[in-house]
Amino acid sequence: MATLEDDQTPGSSRNNQGTLRIQPACRDEQLVAQVTAAKPVYGEAYLWWLTQASWLLKTSEATFVIDPWWRDVFAGDHWAKLLGEYPLHPSNFPELDHVLCSHWHDDHLCPETIPLIAEAQAQTDFVIPSRSVDVVEGWGVESSRIIPAHGHGPLDLGNLRLWCVPAAHEELDFDHTGASWYVGYVIESGGVTIYHMGDGQPWPGWHTAIGKANQRLAPETSLDIALLCINGNDNLHHGQAVDLIERVAPRCAIPMHYGMDPGNTVDPQIFVDEMTSRLPDKQYLVAEVGQCIRYSDGVLEALNDS
């Protein structure tokens, strides 16, 4: 069992089972400096994995974060179990145009992270599934800053164009208006298209819906990047992630949603092995938390390998 002193030592901490935590490849002021310095041109994007399904992205048009999540791993509570340290505190994000959240689970719509970003960044708006808008308003975020995502169809944020795709987190769940509890986003910005699946499992017509959403946003190009869960349980497992890559044919893919919760994680090597066996020529990258990744013309490049 780790000592309290070990537990409270950022950079070499252990969780409440004594496991040495995974350390970000880049963090805090250094990561913010990287984001600020990145100058993507049209057709290029920079990405930073912030754990789980949380991503910071920058295109030639916009800087935005998807499913931002942060917990104090040193507080001695439930979150002391977590297997990694976070690269950024929510109050210290670089300047953001938008925050996108996929569903109400607290590692995607985080009750600590969202209010802190809202307080620190008055210019930032929040794209929230419509059935969770009242939750975010209850955290003190002004309704004028919240953009409801119904779960179907387009949203035009000016420098970011979205197509919402329903997600089946165990099952599809719609209310009487057709609004979905769970949403994935096909995103076009700066000549790059990205699919972030949120959480979910396959549903009939899902692969087709993703492809059609990309065609509507970028009719002359294929999907550039797919950000895909591989942890299984109520998410895609690694084989289903590769199924999606086969069917939707993104130019590149990055696995996510592992490495934090000791009861809900996998070794990403299983995804690597599946890709090697089934799609040996497909471009993919296994990211490190906090690592800067550049995408350009169908190629993913890690810029600060540890």
Foldseek 3Di string as FASTA:
>chain_A
DDDLVQCPDPPFHAFPVRATAAEFLAADPRLQVVVVPDQAAQQKKKWFAFAALWIWIDANQFTEIFQDADDDCSPPDPQSQWRHHGRYQLLRHHAGAEYEFFADDCSGVNLRNLLNNVVNHVNYAYEEAQVCLVVSVVSVRDPVRYDHDQQAQWDCPPQKIKGKHAAQLVHWDADPVRGTRGIWIFMDGSNATETRRRFHDDDVCRLVRNLVRCCVVPVPDAHAEYEAEQQDDSGNNLLRVVVSCVSRVHLEYEYHRARIRPVTHDDCVVNVVNCCVPPVPGHYDYDGHSWMWMDHDSHIDTDRDD
